[in-house]
Amino acid sequence: MPMLFQIEEPDGSPLDEAAGPGVAVGIDLSGARGVVAFAVGGNAEVLTARDGSPGPETAGLRDAAGEFALERTGAVLLTLRGIAERALARPVTHAVIAITPPADVAARQSLARAAASGDLIATHILTATEAAALVPDAAAAEAAALGAAVAAENDGIAAQRGANP
């Protein structure tokens, strides 16, 4: 008969990983469709939905002033977060997000609010060019997402060390 084991914390309480901070991913909103990626050891990989479908469309995320629409952008980010959580089998709580310019203060603040509406913390907001520069050998179609994922991994490492990302 098989035996089941329960992993416990030193104080005897059950291990509850879901209560702790989740992982950080890179999200690219600069293309026609949103893309999410994850990095380990500086090696990033684009995450896809189980059925292989592309990420959500990004058309209409910004208003005429360049600010991000709260509900629409929040829904896109929530979809991408869901793709990542299913692929990684772990909660996702943080993201570095790559966008097309303008990346002024108003645009960044509206994007951070949209992310927060879905319980996602935007640790950094980069332009797609800045994110892609972090992975110079990546294919152009994936470079911004992969670069954002590498930046997210670096933010996670800094947070674990107690530094400010």
C-alpha atoms as a PDB file:
ATOM      1  CA  MET A   1       0.000   0.000   0.000  1.00  0.00           C
ATOM      2  CA  PRO A   2       1.470   3.418  -0.982  1.00  0.00           C
ATOM      3  CA  MET A   3       2.256   5.908   1.757  1.00  0.00           C
ATOM      4  CA  LEU A   4       1.511   9.609   1.537  1.00  0.00           C
ATOM      5  CA  PHE A   5       3.755  12.176   3.137  1.00  0.00           C
ATOM      6  CA  GLN A   6       2.904  15.701   4.170  1.00  0.00           C
ATOM      7  CA  ILE A   7       5.622  18.303   4.032  1.00  0.00           C
ATOM      8  CA  GLU A   8       5.593  20.637   7.009  1.00  0.00           C
ATOM      9  CA  GLU A   9       7.359  23.790   8.084  1.00  0.00           C
ATOM     10  CA  PRO A  10       9.765  23.535  11.084  1.00  0.00           C
ATOM     11  CA  ASP A  11       7.009  24.788  13.386  1.00  0.00           C
ATOM     12  CA  GLY A  12       4.813  21.853  12.344  1.00  0.00           C
ATOM     13  CA  SER A  13       2.427  23.802  10.110  1.00  0.00           C
ATOM     14  CA  PRO A  14       1.787  22.534   6.575  1.00  0.00           C
ATOM     15  CA  LEU A  15       3.897  24.019   3.784  1.00  0.00           C
ATOM     16  CA  ASP A  16       1.723  26.620   2.078  1.00  0.00           C
ATOM     17  CA  GLU A  17       3.601  27.836  -0.959  1.00  0.00           C
ATOM     18  CA  ALA A  18       0.545  29.623  -2.353  1.00  0.00           C
ATOM     19  CA  ALA A  19       0.617  32.059   0.579  1.00  0.00           C
ATOM     20  CA  GLY A  20       4.110  33.264  -0.317  1.00  0.00           C
ATOM     21  CA  PRO A  21       5.160  35.542  -3.149  1.00  0.00           C
ATOM     22  CA  GLY A  22       4.649  34.202  -6.635  1.00  0.00           C
ATOM     23  CA  VAL A  23       7.031  34.204  -9.547  1.00  0.00           C
ATOM     24  CA  ALA A  24       7.823  37.117 -11.842  1.00  0.00           C
ATOM     25  CA  VAL A  25       7.320  36.954 -15.601  1.00  0.00           C
ATOM     26  CA  GLY A  26       8.009  39.159 -18.579  1.00  0.00           C
ATOM     27  CA  ILE A  27       5.063  40.484 -20.560  1.00  0.00           C
ATOM     28  CA  ASP A  28       5.240  42.115 -23.974  1.00  0.00           C
ATOM     29  CA  LEU A  29       2.332  44.358 -24.938  1.00  0.00           C
ATOM     30  CA  SER A  30       4.143  46.000 -27.863  1.00  0.00           C
ATOM     31  CA  GLY A  31       2.923  43.692 -30.632  1.00  0.00           C
ATOM     32  CA  ALA A  32      -0.465  42.835 -32.088  1.00  0.00           C
ATOM     33  CA  ARG A  33      -0.866  40.149 -29.407  1.00  0.00           C
ATOM     34  CA  GLY A  34       0.368  39.988 -25.839  1.00  0.00           C
ATOM     35  CA  VAL A  35       3.185  37.563 -25.063  1.00  0.00           C
ATOM     36  CA  VAL A  36       4.353  36.207 -21.706  1.00  0.00           C
ATOM     37  CA  ALA A  37       7.759  34.649 -20.941  1.00  0.00           C
ATOM     38  CA  PHE A  38       9.648  33.225 -17.969  1.00  0.00           C
ATOM     39  CA  ALA A  39      13.399  33.124 -17.293  1.00  0.00           C
ATOM     40  CA  VAL A  40      15.610  30.859 -15.206  1.00  0.00           C
ATOM     41  CA  GLY A  41      19.337  31.435 -15.025  1.00  0.00           C
ATOM     42  CA  GLY A  42      19.120  34.111 -17.696  1.00  0.00           C
ATOM     43  CA  ASN A  43      17.517  31.706 -20.157  1.00  0.00           C
ATOM     44  CA  ALA A  44      14.061  32.878 -21.115  1.00  0.00           C
ATOM     45  CA  GLU A  45      11.268  31.012 -22.862  1.00  0.00           C
ATOM     46  CA  VAL A  46       7.948  32.182 -24.240  1.00  0.00           C
ATOM     47  CA  LEU A  47       4.992  30.531 -22.516  1.00  0.00           C
ATOM     48  CA  THR A  48       1.999  29.508 -24.579  1.00  0.00           C
ATOM     49  CA  ALA A  49      -1.555  28.492 -23.855  1.00  0.00           C
ATOM     50  CA  ARG A  50      -2.221  24.754 -23.609  1.00  0.00           C
ATOM     51  CA  ASP A  51      -3.938  24.722 -26.980  1.00  0.00           C
ATOM     52  CA  GLY A  52      -1.145  26.717 -28.610  1.00  0.00           C
ATOM     53  CA  SER A  53      -3.360  29.723 -29.247  1.00  0.00           C
ATOM     54  CA  PRO A  54      -1.686  33.133 -29.346  1.00  0.00           C
ATOM     55  CA  GLY A  55      -1.986  35.637 -26.549  1.00  0.00           C
ATOM     56  CA  PRO A  56      -4.789  38.196 -26.427  1.00  0.00           C
ATOM     57  CA  GLU A  57      -4.994  41.060 -28.907  1.00  0.00           C
ATOM     58  CA  THR A  58      -3.465  44.310 -27.714  1.00  0.00           C
ATOM     59  CA  ALA A  59      -5.403  46.664 -29.993  1.00  0.00           C
ATOM     60  CA  GLY A  60      -7.313  49.296 -28.061  1.00  0.00           C
ATOM     61  CA  LEU A  61      -5.263  49.155 -24.870  1.00  0.00           C
ATOM     62  CA  ARG A  62      -4.436  52.877 -25.054  1.00  0.00           C
ATOM     63  CA  ASP A  63      -6.566  55.945 -25.367  1.00  0.00           C
ATOM     64  CA  ALA A  64      -5.783  58.976 -27.557  1.00  0.00           C
ATOM     65  CA  ALA A  65      -3.548  60.433 -24.822  1.00  0.00           C
ATOM     66  CA  GLY A  66      -1.429  57.256 -24.719  1.00  0.00           C
ATOM     67  CA  GLU A  67      -2.678  56.078 -21.336  1.00  0.00           C
ATOM     68  CA  PHE A  68      -3.708  52.468 -20.798  1.00  0.00           C
ATOM     69  CA  ALA A  69      -7.416  51.707 -20.436  1.00  0.00           C
ATOM     70  CA  LEU A  70      -7.858  50.114 -17.018  1.00  0.00           C
ATOM     71  CA  GLU A  71     -10.422  47.401 -17.795  1.00  0.00           C
ATOM     72  CA  ARG A  72      -9.182  46.332 -21.234  1.00  0.00           C
ATOM     73  CA  THR A  73      -5.503  46.313 -20.238  1.00  0.00           C
ATOM     74  CA  GLY A  74      -6.287  44.587 -16.944  1.00  0.00           C
ATOM     75  CA  ALA A  75      -8.148  41.837 -18.829  1.00  0.00           C
ATOM     76  CA  VAL A  76      -5.217  41.279 -21.215  1.00  0.00           C
ATOM     77  CA  LEU A  77      -2.743  41.129 -18.328  1.00  0.00           C
ATOM     78  CA  LEU A  78      -4.993  38.732 -16.427  1.00  0.00           C
ATOM     79  CA  THR A  79      -5.169  36.436 -19.470  1.00  0.00           C
ATOM     80  CA  LEU A  80      -1.382  36.451 -19.841  1.00  0.00           C
ATOM     81  CA  ARG A  81      -0.969  35.841 -16.113  1.00  0.00           C
ATOM     82  CA  GLY A  82      -3.303  32.834 -16.421  1.00  0.00           C
ATOM     83  CA  ILE A  83      -1.257  31.418 -19.303  1.00  0.00           C
ATOM     84  CA  ALA A  84       1.890  31.721 -17.187  1.00  0.00           C
ATOM     85  CA  GLU A  85       0.330  30.221 -14.066  1.00  0.00           C
ATOM     86  CA  ARG A  86      -0.934  27.187 -15.984  1.00  0.00           C
ATOM     87  CA  ALA A  87       2.393  26.698 -17.753  1.00  0.00           C
ATOM     88  CA  LEU A  88       4.460  27.098 -14.582  1.00  0.00           C
ATOM     89  CA  ALA A  89       1.994  25.522 -12.130  1.00  0.00           C
ATOM     90  CA  ARG A  90       2.808  28.359  -9.726  1.00  0.00           C
ATOM     91  CA  PRO A  91       1.221  31.676  -8.826  1.00  0.00           C
ATOM     92  CA  VAL A  92       2.424  34.735 -10.753  1.00  0.00           C
ATOM     93  CA  THR A  93       2.439  37.975  -8.780  1.00  0.00           C
ATOM     94  CA  HIS A  94       5.032  40.207 -10.444  1.00  0.00           C
ATOM     95  CA  ALA A  95       5.894  41.238 -13.989  1.00  0.00           C
ATOM     96  CA  VAL A  96       8.196  43.390 -16.033  1.00  0.00           C
ATOM     97  CA  ILE A  97       6.119  44.778 -18.881  1.00  0.00           C
ATOM     98  CA  ALA A  98       7.427  45.890 -22.279  1.00  0.00           C
ATOM     99  CA  ILE A  99       5.433  48.479 -24.221  1.00  0.00           C
ATOM    100  CA  THR A 100       5.733  50.652 -27.291  1.00  0.00           C
ATOM    101  CA  PRO A 101       6.434  54.341 -26.731  1.00  0.00           C
ATOM    102  CA  PRO A 102       5.238  56.671 -25.428  1.00  0.00           C
ATOM    103  CA  ALA A 103       6.446  55.397 -22.091  1.00  0.00           C
ATOM    104  CA  ASP A 104       5.967  58.631 -20.214  1.00  0.00           C
ATOM    105  CA  VAL A 105       4.958  58.904 -16.572  1.00  0.00           C
ATOM    106  CA  ALA A 106       1.213  58.960 -17.322  1.00  0.00           C
ATOM    107  CA  ALA A 107       1.421  55.840 -19.500  1.00  0.00           C
ATOM    108  CA  ARG A 108       3.501  53.988 -16.912  1.00  0.00           C
ATOM    109  CA  GLN A 109       1.166  54.942 -14.069  1.00  0.00           C
ATOM    110  CA  SER A 110      -1.941  53.888 -15.984  1.00  0.00           C
ATOM    111  CA  LEU A 111      -0.302  50.562 -16.876  1.00  0.00           C
ATOM    112  CA  ALA A 112       0.721  49.973 -13.255  1.00  0.00           C
ATOM    113  CA  ARG A 113      -2.888  50.653 -12.166  1.00  0.00           C
ATOM    114  CA  ALA A 114      -4.203  48.208 -14.786  1.00  0.00           C
ATOM    115  CA  ALA A 115      -1.758  45.548 -13.583  1.00  0.00           C
ATOM    116  CA  ALA A 116      -2.723  46.142  -9.955  1.00  0.00           C
ATOM    117  CA  SER A 117      -6.399  45.698 -10.841  1.00  0.00           C
ATOM    118  CA  GLY A 118      -5.552  42.048 -11.537  1.00  0.00           C
ATOM    119  CA  ASP A 119      -3.308  41.624  -8.469  1.00  0.00           C
ATOM    120  CA  LEU A 120      -0.177  41.844 -10.598  1.00  0.00           C
ATOM    121  CA  ILE A 121       2.716  44.060  -9.502  1.00  0.00           C
ATOM    122  CA  ALA A 122       4.563  45.747 -12.366  1.00  0.00           C
ATOM    123  CA  THR A 123       8.125  45.903 -11.038  1.00  0.00           C
ATOM    124  CA  HIS A 124       9.409  47.683 -14.161  1.00  0.00           C
ATOM    125  CA  ILE A 125       7.926  49.046 -17.341  1.00  0.00           C
ATOM    126  CA  LEU A 126      10.355  49.072 -20.248  1.00  0.00           C
ATOM    127  CA  THR A 127      10.042  50.030 -23.871  1.00  0.00           C
ATOM    128  CA  ALA A 128      10.136  47.050 -26.223  1.00  0.00           C
ATOM    129  CA  THR A 129      13.533  48.253 -27.464  1.00  0.00           C
ATOM    130  CA  GLU A 130      14.954  48.364 -23.921  1.00  0.00           C
ATOM    131  CA  ALA A 131      13.647  44.861 -23.184  1.00  0.00           C
ATOM    132  CA  ALA A 132      14.914  43.412 -26.483  1.00  0.00           C
ATOM    133  CA  ALA A 133      18.391  44.825 -25.802  1.00  0.00           C
ATOM    134  CA  LEU A 134      18.655  42.445 -22.820  1.00  0.00           C
ATOM    135  CA  VAL A 135      18.576  39.430 -25.173  1.00  0.00           C
ATOM    136  CA  PRO A 136      20.518  40.550 -28.270  1.00  0.00           C
ATOM    137  CA  ASP A 137      20.535  37.100 -29.910  1.00  0.00           C
ATOM    138  CA  ALA A 138      16.768  36.514 -29.637  1.00  0.00           C
ATOM    139  CA  ALA A 139      14.436  36.403 -32.606  1.00  0.00           C
ATOM    140  CA  ALA A 140      12.833  39.812 -33.140  1.00  0.00           C
ATOM    141  CA  ALA A 141       9.271  38.502 -32.659  1.00  0.00           C
ATOM    142  CA  GLU A 142      10.060  37.241 -29.133  1.00  0.00           C
ATOM    143  CA  ALA A 143      12.862  39.568 -28.037  1.00  0.00           C
ATOM    144  CA  ALA A 144      10.801  42.042 -25.997  1.00  0.00           C
ATOM    145  CA  ALA A 145       8.998  39.291 -24.039  1.00  0.00           C
ATOM    146  CA  LEU A 146      12.225  37.365 -23.449  1.00  0.00           C
ATOM    147  CA  GLY A 147      14.089  40.504 -22.354  1.00  0.00           C
ATOM    148  CA  ALA A 148      11.256  41.431 -20.001  1.00  0.00           C
ATOM    149  CA  ALA A 149      11.446  37.917 -18.518  1.00  0.00           C
ATOM    150  CA  VAL A 150      15.196  38.265 -17.924  1.00  0.00           C
ATOM    151  CA  ALA A 151      14.588  41.630 -16.236  1.00  0.00           C
ATOM    152  CA  ALA A 152      11.817  40.047 -14.120  1.00  0.00           C
ATOM    153  CA  GLU A 153      14.174  37.291 -13.017  1.00  0.00           C
ATOM    154  CA  ASN A 154      16.749  39.909 -12.026  1.00  0.00           C
ATOM    155  CA  ASP A 155      14.092  41.809 -10.061  1.00  0.00           C
ATOM    156  CA  GLY A 156      13.157  38.582  -8.263  1.00  0.00           C
ATOM    157  CA  ILE A 157      16.765  37.888  -7.333  1.00  0.00           C
ATOM    158  CA  ALA A 158      17.206  41.448  -6.044  1.00  0.00           C
ATOM    159  CA  ALA A 159      14.000  41.154  -3.974  1.00  0.00           C
ATOM    160  CA  GLN A 160      15.167  37.889  -2.422  1.00  0.00           C
ATOM    161  CA  ARG A 161      18.402  39.580  -1.392  1.00  0.00           C
ATOM    162  CA  GLY A 162      16.464  42.440   0.164  1.00  0.00           C
ATOM    163  CA  ALA A 163      17.485  44.963  -2.481  1.00  0.00           C
ATOM    164  CA  ASN A 164      15.079  47.321  -4.126  1.00  0.00           C
ATOM    165  CA  PRO A 165      14.440  46.063  -7.707  1.00  0.00           C
END
